[in-house]
Amino acid sequence: MASGIPNDVWKNWEKSGKQEFTKLCTKLLKDESSSPLFDKDNSSTEFVKYIYELIDKAIKGVIKKESVISVIQELVATHPDVPTIILDILNVFDAISCQPDNGENKERSTYCAIVKECETCLSDKLLKERLDIDTLQEVGVLKNNIFSSKFIRVKTKLYYKQRKFNLFREECEGFAKLVTELNKEFNENTDPNELIGIVQSLIGCFNLDPNRVLDVILESFENKPKDARIFISLINSYMNDPIIISEVLSTKFSFLKNSGQEVPQSLYILTALLLQNRVIQLDDIYHWVIYKNISQISLSIPVCGKIVIAKNGVR
């Protein structure tokens, strides 16, 4: 198969070249049963090269643009993939012909005229889908700014939907990494300052909710009371506010109470450890923890028992 269109075709375009070009393209379309874009070896077919050369000759003024439109009309009817290929090639020439020029760009004018005439043989929907909005307005396919405004609104809506999805996905990934870091095995060489740096990095990287992070820290502490040294230092560095920590604890007790579930011993131990290390004060939790809970807390840590007894004596 020839690597390109013979020069005689372009020289004798009006006499016999046009007819010969159409025959060559039609033969290629018949040979390719699946798609004229790729051959059996998944490489570009000669048809794509022929169409590119056809439009290039028209833009450069070698052949008349009117004859190009008539050829396109014939080829479009032979295969359903032809309109897509033509528009892809037109999109390439859109970028080529749109080069900065101080004077009148004749090639750009010819290109716009070809695109405008393509309205007669290519669907309006496909034109708007494949070509740039500015180009469509330039050639007159879009006659006002209504379409452009609608396009911007839809694009913005899709952008924020995608952004919201990405944030949700990243947030889930961030909390998964946070849980992994907090629940790995610690030893006497573990540096709490290094851990708080990791936590802060995850918050910044994945845009995590700080209060939810505190809840995860407390939950990890509840599951690993043996690492009290690490978690107490971490909590003091991360959230040195007894009121906020107490409120997060209160939601845990309230949820269990409202759902009719038994408060686990691990939660009592967590609260007792926080009291023992003066992360929170008994005054901060006394008004929402019932007497039975207070008793359980006092039994969990002996030091806390003294605090509770003293508090109950005052009441």
C-alpha atoms as a PDB file:
ATOM      1  CA  MET A   1       0.000   0.000   0.000  1.00  0.00           C
ATOM      2  CA  ALA A   2       1.266   3.462  -0.819  1.00  0.00           C
ATOM      3  CA  SER A   3       2.635   5.523   2.023  1.00  0.00           C
ATOM      4  CA  GLY A   4       0.756   8.624   0.906  1.00  0.00           C
ATOM      5  CA  ILE A   5      -1.326  10.274  -1.784  1.00  0.00           C
ATOM      6  CA  PRO A   6       0.576  10.663  -5.105  1.00  0.00           C
ATOM      7  CA  ASN A   7       1.334  14.273  -6.063  1.00  0.00           C
ATOM      8  CA  ASP A   8      -0.560  13.812  -9.333  1.00  0.00           C
ATOM      9  CA  VAL A   9      -3.775  13.533  -7.334  1.00  0.00           C
ATOM     10  CA  TRP A  10      -3.359  17.072  -5.988  1.00  0.00           C
ATOM     11  CA  LYS A  11      -2.115  18.490  -9.297  1.00  0.00           C
ATOM     12  CA  ASN A  12      -5.101  17.090 -11.200  1.00  0.00           C
ATOM     13  CA  TRP A  13      -7.571  17.476  -8.344  1.00  0.00           C
ATOM     14  CA  GLU A  14     -10.393  19.062 -10.281  1.00  0.00           C
ATOM     15  CA  LYS A  15     -10.067  16.718 -13.297  1.00  0.00           C
ATOM     16  CA  SER A  16      -9.442  13.283 -11.804  1.00  0.00           C
ATOM     17  CA  GLY A  17      -7.664  13.712  -8.486  1.00  0.00           C
ATOM     18  CA  LYS A  18     -10.776  14.124  -6.380  1.00  0.00           C
ATOM     19  CA  GLN A  19     -12.360  10.972  -7.796  1.00  0.00           C
ATOM     20  CA  GLU A  20      -9.133   8.981  -7.346  1.00  0.00           C
ATOM     21  CA  PHE A  21      -8.749  10.180  -3.741  1.00  0.00           C
ATOM     22  CA  THR A  22     -12.318   9.155  -2.906  1.00  0.00           C
ATOM     23  CA  LYS A  23     -11.748   5.700  -4.403  1.00  0.00           C
ATOM     24  CA  LEU A  24      -8.582   5.181  -2.353  1.00  0.00           C
ATOM     25  CA  CYS A  25     -10.343   6.147   0.881  1.00  0.00           C
ATOM     26  CA  THR A  26     -13.433   4.063   0.104  1.00  0.00           C
ATOM     27  CA  LYS A  27     -11.261   1.015  -0.573  1.00  0.00           C
ATOM     28  CA  LEU A  28      -9.519   1.449   2.783  1.00  0.00           C
ATOM     29  CA  LEU A  29     -12.845   1.735   4.588  1.00  0.00           C
ATOM     30  CA  LYS A  30     -14.110  -1.450   3.011  1.00  0.00           C
ATOM     31  CA  ASP A  31     -10.938  -3.343   3.930  1.00  0.00           C
ATOM     32  CA  GLU A  32     -11.179  -2.391   7.597  1.00  0.00           C
ATOM     33  CA  SER A  33     -14.308  -4.096   8.947  1.00  0.00           C
ATOM     34  CA  SER A  34     -13.852  -3.048  12.585  1.00  0.00           C
ATOM     35  CA  SER A  35     -12.510   0.503  12.595  1.00  0.00           C
ATOM     36  CA  PRO A  36     -10.801   2.701  10.011  1.00  0.00           C
ATOM     37  CA  LEU A  37      -8.715   4.254  12.771  1.00  0.00           C
ATOM     38  CA  PHE A  38      -6.594   1.200  13.627  1.00  0.00           C
ATOM     39  CA  ASP A  39      -5.567  -1.795  11.544  1.00  0.00           C
ATOM     40  CA  LYS A  40      -5.177  -5.392  12.708  1.00  0.00           C
ATOM     41  CA  ASP A  41      -1.771  -4.561  14.221  1.00  0.00           C
ATOM     42  CA  ASN A  42      -3.324  -1.680  16.232  1.00  0.00           C
ATOM     43  CA  SER A  43      -1.396   0.924  14.235  1.00  0.00           C
ATOM     44  CA  SER A  44      -2.862   3.962  12.501  1.00  0.00           C
ATOM     45  CA  THR A  45      -4.366   3.217   9.128  1.00  0.00           C
ATOM     46  CA  GLU A  46      -3.549   5.001   5.893  1.00  0.00           C
ATOM     47  CA  PHE A  47      -7.056   6.447   5.974  1.00  0.00           C
ATOM     48  CA  VAL A  48      -6.165   8.753   8.867  1.00  0.00           C
ATOM     49  CA  LYS A  49      -3.097   9.973   6.970  1.00  0.00           C
ATOM     50  CA  TYR A  50      -5.152  10.563   3.831  1.00  0.00           C
ATOM     51  CA  ILE A  51      -7.730  12.701   5.658  1.00  0.00           C
ATOM     52  CA  TYR A  52      -4.997  14.666   7.387  1.00  0.00           C
ATOM     53  CA  GLU A  53      -3.323  15.360   4.043  1.00  0.00           C
ATOM     54  CA  LEU A  54      -6.652  16.323   2.470  1.00  0.00           C
ATOM     55  CA  ILE A  55      -7.420  18.970   5.094  1.00  0.00           C
ATOM     56  CA  ASP A  56      -3.819  20.182   5.105  1.00  0.00           C
ATOM     57  CA  LYS A  57      -3.910  20.790   1.327  1.00  0.00           C
ATOM     58  CA  ALA A  58      -7.208  22.643   1.638  1.00  0.00           C
ATOM     59  CA  ILE A  59      -5.982  24.916   4.450  1.00  0.00           C
ATOM     60  CA  LYS A  60      -2.815  25.733   2.496  1.00  0.00           C
ATOM     61  CA  GLY A  61      -4.860  26.587  -0.592  1.00  0.00           C
ATOM     62  CA  VAL A  62      -3.626  23.740  -2.798  1.00  0.00           C
ATOM     63  CA  ILE A  63      -7.213  22.593  -3.393  1.00  0.00           C
ATOM     64  CA  LYS A  64     -10.537  24.379  -2.940  1.00  0.00           C
ATOM     65  CA  LYS A  65     -12.251  24.019   0.407  1.00  0.00           C
ATOM     66  CA  GLU A  66     -15.622  23.412  -1.274  1.00  0.00           C
ATOM     67  CA  SER A  67     -14.333  20.209  -2.865  1.00  0.00           C
ATOM     68  CA  VAL A  68     -13.040  19.036   0.517  1.00  0.00           C
ATOM     69  CA  ILE A  69     -16.539  19.309   1.987  1.00  0.00           C
ATOM     70  CA  SER A  70     -18.006  17.251  -0.853  1.00  0.00           C
ATOM     71  CA  VAL A  71     -15.384  14.523  -0.269  1.00  0.00           C
ATOM     72  CA  ILE A  72     -16.126  14.527   3.462  1.00  0.00           C
ATOM     73  CA  GLN A  73     -19.848  14.179   2.740  1.00  0.00           C
ATOM     74  CA  GLU A  74     -19.197  11.072   0.637  1.00  0.00           C
ATOM     75  CA  LEU A  75     -16.870   9.462   3.172  1.00  0.00           C
ATOM     76  CA  VAL A  76     -19.126  10.117   6.169  1.00  0.00           C
ATOM     77  CA  ALA A  77     -21.808   7.960   4.573  1.00  0.00           C
ATOM     78  CA  THR A  78     -19.475   4.968   4.178  1.00  0.00           C
ATOM     79  CA  HIS A  79     -18.509   4.261   7.811  1.00  0.00           C
ATOM     80  CA  PRO A  80     -19.880   5.391  11.232  1.00  0.00           C
ATOM     81  CA  ASP A  81     -16.375   6.105  12.605  1.00  0.00           C
ATOM     82  CA  VAL A  82     -15.445   8.579   9.873  1.00  0.00           C
ATOM     83  CA  PRO A  83     -17.053  11.677  11.510  1.00  0.00           C
ATOM     84  CA  THR A  84     -15.060  11.065  14.691  1.00  0.00           C
ATOM     85  CA  ILE A  85     -11.790  10.730  12.775  1.00  0.00           C
ATOM     86  CA  ILE A  86     -12.440  13.890  10.765  1.00  0.00           C
ATOM     87  CA  LEU A  87     -13.212  15.920  13.884  1.00  0.00           C
ATOM     88  CA  ASP A  88     -10.119  14.638  15.659  1.00  0.00           C
ATOM     89  CA  ILE A  89      -8.008  15.785  12.725  1.00  0.00           C
ATOM     90  CA  LEU A  90      -9.811  19.128  12.615  1.00  0.00           C
ATOM     91  CA  ASN A  91      -9.008  19.494  16.303  1.00  0.00           C
ATOM     92  CA  VAL A  92      -5.314  19.055  15.509  1.00  0.00           C
ATOM     93  CA  PHE A  93      -5.473  21.740  12.821  1.00  0.00           C
ATOM     94  CA  ASP A  94      -7.310  23.995  15.274  1.00  0.00           C
ATOM     95  CA  ALA A  95      -4.158  24.129  17.396  1.00  0.00           C
ATOM     96  CA  ILE A  96      -1.860  24.420  14.361  1.00  0.00           C
ATOM     97  CA  SER A  97      -3.760  27.260  12.696  1.00  0.00           C
ATOM     98  CA  CYS A  98      -4.242  29.176  15.932  1.00  0.00           C
ATOM     99  CA  GLN A  99      -0.645  30.400  16.095  1.00  0.00           C
ATOM    100  CA  PRO A 100      -0.060  34.073  17.059  1.00  0.00           C
ATOM    101  CA  ASP A 101       0.056  36.298  13.985  1.00  0.00           C
ATOM    102  CA  ASN A 102       0.135  40.088  13.810  1.00  0.00           C
ATOM    103  CA  GLY A 103      -1.461  40.136  10.390  1.00  0.00           C
ATOM    104  CA  GLU A 104      -4.399  38.312   8.885  1.00  0.00           C
ATOM    105  CA  ASN A 105      -4.054  34.547   9.203  1.00  0.00           C
ATOM    106  CA  LYS A 106      -5.342  33.186   5.910  1.00  0.00           C
ATOM    107  CA  GLU A 107      -4.928  29.557   6.929  1.00  0.00           C
ATOM    108  CA  ARG A 108      -6.985  30.168  10.059  1.00  0.00           C
ATOM    109  CA  SER A 109      -9.761  31.732   8.011  1.00  0.00           C
ATOM    110  CA  THR A 110      -9.788  28.752   5.646  1.00  0.00           C
ATOM    111  CA  TYR A 111      -9.869  26.356   8.574  1.00  0.00           C
ATOM    112  CA  CYS A 112     -12.840  28.161  10.130  1.00  0.00           C
ATOM    113  CA  ALA A 113     -14.685  28.069   6.808  1.00  0.00           C
ATOM    114  CA  ILE A 114     -14.154  24.288   6.547  1.00  0.00           C
ATOM    115  CA  VAL A 115     -15.431  23.723  10.085  1.00  0.00           C
ATOM    116  CA  LYS A 116     -18.464  25.893   9.397  1.00  0.00           C
ATOM    117  CA  GLU A 117     -19.309  23.905   6.251  1.00  0.00           C
ATOM    118  CA  CYS A 118     -18.916  20.639   8.171  1.00  0.00           C
ATOM    119  CA  GLU A 119     -22.210  21.469   9.899  1.00  0.00           C
ATOM    120  CA  THR A 120     -23.943  20.141   6.783  1.00  0.00           C
ATOM    121  CA  CYS A 121     -22.445  16.636   7.078  1.00  0.00           C
ATOM    122  CA  LEU A 122     -21.439  16.222  10.740  1.00  0.00           C
ATOM    123  CA  SER A 123     -23.827  16.192  13.672  1.00  0.00           C
ATOM    124  CA  ASP A 124     -24.139  19.313  15.789  1.00  0.00           C
ATOM    125  CA  LYS A 125     -23.716  17.223  18.940  1.00  0.00           C
ATOM    126  CA  LEU A 126     -20.426  15.747  17.745  1.00  0.00           C
ATOM    127  CA  LEU A 127     -19.069  19.148  16.737  1.00  0.00           C
ATOM    128  CA  LYS A 128     -19.779  20.579  20.192  1.00  0.00           C
ATOM    129  CA  GLU A 129     -18.305  17.524  21.859  1.00  0.00           C
ATOM    130  CA  ARG A 130     -14.990  17.431  19.980  1.00  0.00           C
ATOM    131  CA  LEU A 131     -14.108  21.037  19.173  1.00  0.00           C
ATOM    132  CA  ASP A 132     -13.099  23.836  21.501  1.00  0.00           C
ATOM    133  CA  ILE A 133     -15.835  26.234  22.621  1.00  0.00           C
ATOM    134  CA  ASP A 134     -13.880  29.307  21.506  1.00  0.00           C
ATOM    135  CA  THR A 135     -13.423  27.772  18.060  1.00  0.00           C
ATOM    136  CA  LEU A 136     -17.130  26.930  17.799  1.00  0.00           C
ATOM    137  CA  GLN A 137     -17.988  30.533  18.636  1.00  0.00           C
ATOM    138  CA  GLU A 138     -15.376  31.824  16.189  1.00  0.00           C
ATOM    139  CA  VAL A 139     -16.766  29.828  13.264  1.00  0.00           C
ATOM    140  CA  GLY A 140     -20.381  30.617  14.182  1.00  0.00           C
ATOM    141  CA  VAL A 141     -21.555  27.158  15.255  1.00  0.00           C
ATOM    142  CA  LEU A 142     -22.372  28.701  18.631  1.00  0.00           C
ATOM    143  CA  LYS A 143     -24.118  31.967  17.953  1.00  0.00           C
ATOM    144  CA  ASN A 144     -24.347  33.274  21.526  1.00  0.00           C
ATOM    145  CA  ASN A 145     -22.901  32.802  24.982  1.00  0.00           C
ATOM    146  CA  ILE A 146     -25.774  30.692  26.344  1.00  0.00           C
ATOM    147  CA  PHE A 147     -24.046  27.404  25.558  1.00  0.00           C
ATOM    148  CA  SER A 148     -20.778  28.676  26.993  1.00  0.00           C
ATOM    149  CA  SER A 149     -22.493  29.722  30.225  1.00  0.00           C
ATOM    150  CA  LYS A 150     -24.250  26.363  30.529  1.00  0.00           C
ATOM    151  CA  PHE A 151     -20.992  24.542  29.824  1.00  0.00           C
ATOM    152  CA  ILE A 152     -19.175  26.475  32.542  1.00  0.00           C
ATOM    153  CA  ARG A 153     -21.962  25.753  35.053  1.00  0.00           C
ATOM    154  CA  VAL A 154     -21.954  22.031  34.266  1.00  0.00           C
ATOM    155  CA  LYS A 155     -18.155  21.867  34.325  1.00  0.00           C
ATOM    156  CA  THR A 156     -18.042  23.666  37.685  1.00  0.00           C
ATOM    157  CA  LYS A 157     -20.693  21.354  39.119  1.00  0.00           C
ATOM    158  CA  LEU A 158     -18.806  18.268  37.953  1.00  0.00           C
ATOM    159  CA  TYR A 159     -15.555  19.693  39.316  1.00  0.00           C
ATOM    160  CA  TYR A 160     -16.975  20.201  42.796  1.00  0.00           C
ATOM    161  CA  LYS A 161     -18.608  16.752  42.739  1.00  0.00           C
ATOM    162  CA  GLN A 162     -15.258  15.204  41.833  1.00  0.00           C
ATOM    163  CA  ARG A 163     -13.485  17.347  44.421  1.00  0.00           C
ATOM    164  CA  LYS A 164     -15.962  16.245  47.089  1.00  0.00           C
ATOM    165  CA  PHE A 165     -15.484  12.594  46.112  1.00  0.00           C
ATOM    166  CA  ASN A 166     -11.707  12.971  46.170  1.00  0.00           C
ATOM    167  CA  LEU A 167     -11.807  14.579  49.618  1.00  0.00           C
ATOM    168  CA  PHE A 168     -14.041  11.802  50.942  1.00  0.00           C
ATOM    169  CA  ARG A 169     -11.765   9.144  49.502  1.00  0.00           C
ATOM    170  CA  GLU A 170      -8.649  10.896  50.817  1.00  0.00           C
ATOM    171  CA  GLU A 171     -10.251  11.390  54.244  1.00  0.00           C
ATOM    172  CA  CYS A 172     -10.980   7.654  54.525  1.00  0.00           C
ATOM    173  CA  GLU A 173      -7.416   6.876  53.487  1.00  0.00           C
ATOM    174  CA  GLY A 174      -6.091   9.405  56.004  1.00  0.00           C
ATOM    175  CA  PHE A 175      -8.005   7.900  58.927  1.00  0.00           C
ATOM    176  CA  ALA A 176      -6.875   4.430  57.884  1.00  0.00           C
ATOM    177  CA  LYS A 177      -3.242   5.590  58.033  1.00  0.00           C
ATOM    178  CA  LEU A 178      -3.915   7.296  61.384  1.00  0.00           C
ATOM    179  CA  VAL A 179      -5.361   4.119  62.911  1.00  0.00           C
ATOM    180  CA  THR A 180      -2.372   2.149  61.621  1.00  0.00           C
ATOM    181  CA  GLU A 181       0.115   4.567  63.194  1.00  0.00           C
ATOM    182  CA  LEU A 182      -1.677   4.654  66.566  1.00  0.00           C
ATOM    183  CA  ASN A 183      -2.141   0.902  66.870  1.00  0.00           C
ATOM    184  CA  LYS A 184       1.321  -0.305  65.984  1.00  0.00           C
ATOM    185  CA  GLU A 185       3.560  -1.730  68.693  1.00  0.00           C
ATOM    186  CA  PHE A 186       5.326   0.866  70.860  1.00  0.00           C
ATOM    187  CA  ASN A 187       8.366   0.361  73.098  1.00  0.00           C
ATOM    188  CA  GLU A 188      10.436   2.391  75.555  1.00  0.00           C
ATOM    189  CA  ASN A 189      12.296   3.992  72.635  1.00  0.00           C
ATOM    190  CA  THR A 190       9.128   5.341  70.998  1.00  0.00           C
ATOM    191  CA  ASP A 191       9.214   9.144  70.900  1.00  0.00           C
ATOM    192  CA  PRO A 192       5.795  10.796  71.509  1.00  0.00           C
ATOM    193  CA  ASN A 193       7.039  13.944  69.742  1.00  0.00           C
ATOM    194  CA  GLU A 194       7.667  11.937  66.591  1.00  0.00           C
ATOM    195  CA  LEU A 195       4.167  10.471  66.825  1.00  0.00           C
ATOM    196  CA  ILE A 196       2.508  13.883  67.185  1.00  0.00           C
ATOM    197  CA  GLY A 197       4.437  14.996  64.088  1.00  0.00           C
ATOM    198  CA  ILE A 198       3.002  12.066  62.133  1.00  0.00           C
ATOM    199  CA  VAL A 199      -0.532  12.845  63.355  1.00  0.00           C
ATOM    200  CA  GLN A 200      -0.249  16.513  62.385  1.00  0.00           C
ATOM    201  CA  SER A 201       1.128  15.570  58.964  1.00  0.00           C
ATOM    202  CA  LEU A 202      -1.830  13.251  58.316  1.00  0.00           C
ATOM    203  CA  ILE A 203      -4.289  15.982  59.344  1.00  0.00           C
ATOM    204  CA  GLY A 204      -2.704  18.455  56.942  1.00  0.00           C
ATOM    205  CA  CYS A 205      -2.246  16.001  54.085  1.00  0.00           C
ATOM    206  CA  PHE A 206      -5.735  14.454  54.169  1.00  0.00           C
ATOM    207  CA  ASN A 207      -7.714  17.401  55.610  1.00  0.00           C
ATOM    208  CA  LEU A 208      -8.879  15.358  58.615  1.00  0.00           C
ATOM    209  CA  ASP A 209     -11.387  16.639  61.172  1.00  0.00           C
ATOM    210  CA  PRO A 210      -9.377  17.442  64.361  1.00  0.00           C
ATOM    211  CA  ASN A 211     -12.179  16.355  66.716  1.00  0.00           C
ATOM    212  CA  ARG A 212     -12.552  13.049  64.891  1.00  0.00           C
ATOM    213  CA  VAL A 213      -8.775  12.602  65.142  1.00  0.00           C
ATOM    214  CA  LEU A 214      -9.021  13.117  68.913  1.00  0.00           C
ATOM    215  CA  ASP A 215     -11.753  10.483  69.052  1.00  0.00           C
ATOM    216  CA  VAL A 216      -9.510   8.028  67.172  1.00  0.00           C
ATOM    217  CA  ILE A 217      -6.605   8.780  69.541  1.00  0.00           C
ATOM    218  CA  LEU A 218      -8.802   8.117  72.594  1.00  0.00           C
ATOM    219  CA  GLU A 219     -10.155   4.934  71.039  1.00  0.00           C
ATOM    220  CA  SER A 220      -6.634   3.690  70.340  1.00  0.00           C
ATOM    221  CA  PHE A 221      -5.637   4.609  73.909  1.00  0.00           C
ATOM    222  CA  GLU A 222      -8.654   2.654  75.183  1.00  0.00           C
ATOM    223  CA  ASN A 223      -7.456  -0.424  73.294  1.00  0.00           C
ATOM    224  CA  LYS A 224      -3.832  -0.013  74.441  1.00  0.00           C
ATOM    225  CA  PRO A 225      -3.818   1.234  78.067  1.00  0.00           C
ATOM    226  CA  LYS A 226      -0.352  -0.297  78.537  1.00  0.00           C
ATOM    227  CA  ASP A 227       1.000   2.502  76.318  1.00  0.00           C
ATOM    228  CA  ALA A 228      -0.324   5.217  78.636  1.00  0.00           C
ATOM    229  CA  ARG A 229       3.031   7.038  78.633  1.00  0.00           C
ATOM    230  CA  ILE A 230       2.883   7.506  74.871  1.00  0.00           C
ATOM    231  CA  PHE A 231      -0.803   8.406  74.625  1.00  0.00           C
ATOM    232  CA  ILE A 232      -0.863  10.818  77.589  1.00  0.00           C
ATOM    233  CA  SER A 233       2.027  12.757  76.071  1.00  0.00           C
ATOM    234  CA  LEU A 234       0.372  12.618  72.641  1.00  0.00           C
ATOM    235  CA  ILE A 235      -2.971  13.917  73.945  1.00  0.00           C
ATOM    236  CA  ASN A 236      -1.310  16.737  75.923  1.00  0.00           C
ATOM    237  CA  SER A 237       0.601  17.826  72.819  1.00  0.00           C
ATOM    238  CA  TYR A 238      -2.323  17.458  70.442  1.00  0.00           C
ATOM    239  CA  MET A 239      -5.283  18.793  72.457  1.00  0.00           C
ATOM    240  CA  ASN A 240      -4.353  20.464  75.718  1.00  0.00           C
ATOM    241  CA  ASP A 241      -7.967  21.357  76.510  1.00  0.00           C
ATOM    242  CA  PRO A 242      -9.710  19.305  79.254  1.00  0.00           C
ATOM    243  CA  ILE A 243     -13.161  20.564  78.261  1.00  0.00           C
ATOM    244  CA  ILE A 244     -12.937  19.305  74.664  1.00  0.00           C
ATOM    245  CA  ILE A 245     -11.477  15.967  75.752  1.00  0.00           C
ATOM    246  CA  SER A 246     -14.261  15.596  78.324  1.00  0.00           C
ATOM    247  CA  GLU A 247     -16.908  16.354  75.709  1.00  0.00           C
ATOM    248  CA  VAL A 248     -15.521  13.659  73.411  1.00  0.00           C
ATOM    249  CA  LEU A 249     -15.576  11.210  76.314  1.00  0.00           C
ATOM    250  CA  SER A 250     -19.138  12.232  77.142  1.00  0.00           C
ATOM    251  CA  THR A 251     -20.320  11.317  73.662  1.00  0.00           C
ATOM    252  CA  LYS A 252     -18.927   7.813  74.171  1.00  0.00           C
ATOM    253  CA  PHE A 253     -20.779   7.320  77.472  1.00  0.00           C
ATOM    254  CA  SER A 254     -23.962   8.952  76.154  1.00  0.00           C
ATOM    255  CA  PHE A 255     -24.027   6.791  73.035  1.00  0.00           C
ATOM    256  CA  LEU A 256     -23.702   3.597  75.068  1.00  0.00           C
ATOM    257  CA  LYS A 257     -26.350   4.753  77.544  1.00  0.00           C
ATOM    258  CA  ASN A 258     -28.863   5.776  74.855  1.00  0.00           C
ATOM    259  CA  SER A 259     -28.351   2.557  72.905  1.00  0.00           C
ATOM    260  CA  GLY A 260     -28.835   0.441  76.037  1.00  0.00           C
ATOM    261  CA  GLN A 261     -25.355  -1.064  75.833  1.00  0.00           C
ATOM    262  CA  GLU A 262     -23.145  -1.918  78.785  1.00  0.00           C
ATOM    263  CA  VAL A 263     -20.207   0.428  79.239  1.00  0.00           C
ATOM    264  CA  PRO A 264     -17.031  -1.642  78.668  1.00  0.00           C
ATOM    265  CA  GLN A 265     -14.396  -1.824  81.365  1.00  0.00           C
ATOM    266  CA  SER A 266     -11.848  -0.470  78.881  1.00  0.00           C
ATOM    267  CA  LEU A 267     -13.685   2.872  78.758  1.00  0.00           C
ATOM    268  CA  TYR A 268     -13.616   3.121  82.551  1.00  0.00           C
ATOM    269  CA  ILE A 269      -9.884   2.427  82.511  1.00  0.00           C
ATOM    270  CA  LEU A 270      -9.357   5.086  79.826  1.00  0.00           C
ATOM    271  CA  THR A 271     -11.260   7.695  81.857  1.00  0.00           C
ATOM    272  CA  ALA A 272      -9.415   6.727  85.025  1.00  0.00           C
ATOM    273  CA  LEU A 273      -6.032   7.050  83.323  1.00  0.00           C
ATOM    274  CA  LEU A 274      -6.961  10.491  82.001  1.00  0.00           C
ATOM    275  CA  LEU A 275      -7.990  11.526  85.528  1.00  0.00           C
ATOM    276  CA  GLN A 276      -4.881  10.045  87.095  1.00  0.00           C
ATOM    277  CA  ASN A 277      -2.613  11.942  84.711  1.00  0.00           C
ATOM    278  CA  ARG A 278      -4.673  15.126  85.149  1.00  0.00           C
ATOM    279  CA  VAL A 279      -5.521  15.336  81.455  1.00  0.00           C
ATOM    280  CA  ILE A 280      -9.116  15.938  82.585  1.00  0.00           C
ATOM    281  CA  GLN A 281     -10.622  16.890  85.940  1.00  0.00           C
ATOM    282  CA  LEU A 282     -13.414  15.146  87.788  1.00  0.00           C
ATOM    283  CA  ASP A 283     -15.413  18.381  87.652  1.00  0.00           C
ATOM    284  CA  ASP A 284     -15.348  18.118  83.857  1.00  0.00           C
ATOM    285  CA  ILE A 285     -16.997  14.689  83.783  1.00  0.00           C
ATOM    286  CA  TYR A 286     -18.984  14.504  87.010  1.00  0.00           C
ATOM    287  CA  HIS A 287     -22.151  16.102  85.630  1.00  0.00           C
ATOM    288  CA  TRP A 288     -22.598  13.551  82.824  1.00  0.00           C
ATOM    289  CA  VAL A 289     -21.210  10.365  84.404  1.00  0.00           C
ATOM    290  CA  ILE A 290     -23.738   8.538  86.623  1.00  0.00           C
ATOM    291  CA  TYR A 291     -22.712   7.290  90.081  1.00  0.00           C
ATOM    292  CA  LYS A 292     -22.306   3.697  88.900  1.00  0.00           C
ATOM    293  CA  ASN A 293     -19.810   4.873  86.296  1.00  0.00           C
ATOM    294  CA  ILE A 294     -17.913   6.889  88.905  1.00  0.00           C
ATOM    295  CA  SER A 295     -17.636   3.809  91.077  1.00  0.00           C
ATOM    296  CA  GLN A 296     -16.283   1.789  88.163  1.00  0.00           C
ATOM    297  CA  ILE A 297     -13.738   4.491  87.390  1.00  0.00           C
ATOM    298  CA  SER A 298     -12.574   4.625  91.015  1.00  0.00           C
ATOM    299  CA  LEU A 299     -12.148   0.847  91.058  1.00  0.00           C
ATOM    300  CA  SER A 300     -10.103   0.949  87.855  1.00  0.00           C
ATOM    301  CA  ILE A 301      -7.227   3.024  89.216  1.00  0.00           C
ATOM    302  CA  PRO A 302      -6.602   3.328  92.981  1.00  0.00           C
ATOM    303  CA  VAL A 303      -5.384   6.926  92.734  1.00  0.00           C
ATOM    304  CA  CYS A 304      -8.635   7.895  90.985  1.00  0.00           C
ATOM    305  CA  GLY A 305     -10.573   6.247  93.817  1.00  0.00           C
ATOM    306  CA  LYS A 306      -9.189   8.814  96.241  1.00  0.00           C
ATOM    307  CA  ILE A 307     -10.209  11.648  93.924  1.00  0.00           C
ATOM    308  CA  VAL A 308     -13.736  10.249  93.555  1.00  0.00           C
ATOM    309  CA  ILE A 309     -14.177   9.683  97.319  1.00  0.00           C
ATOM    310  CA  ALA A 310     -13.066  13.232  98.046  1.00  0.00           C
ATOM    311  CA  LYS A 311     -15.452  14.568  95.426  1.00  0.00           C
ATOM    312  CA  ASN A 312     -18.375  12.534  96.736  1.00  0.00           C
ATOM    313  CA  GLY A 313     -17.668  13.743 100.263  1.00  0.00           C
ATOM    314  CA  VAL A 314     -18.080  17.344  99.172  1.00  0.00           C
ATOM    315  CA  ARG A 315     -21.347  16.708  97.318  1.00  0.00           C
END
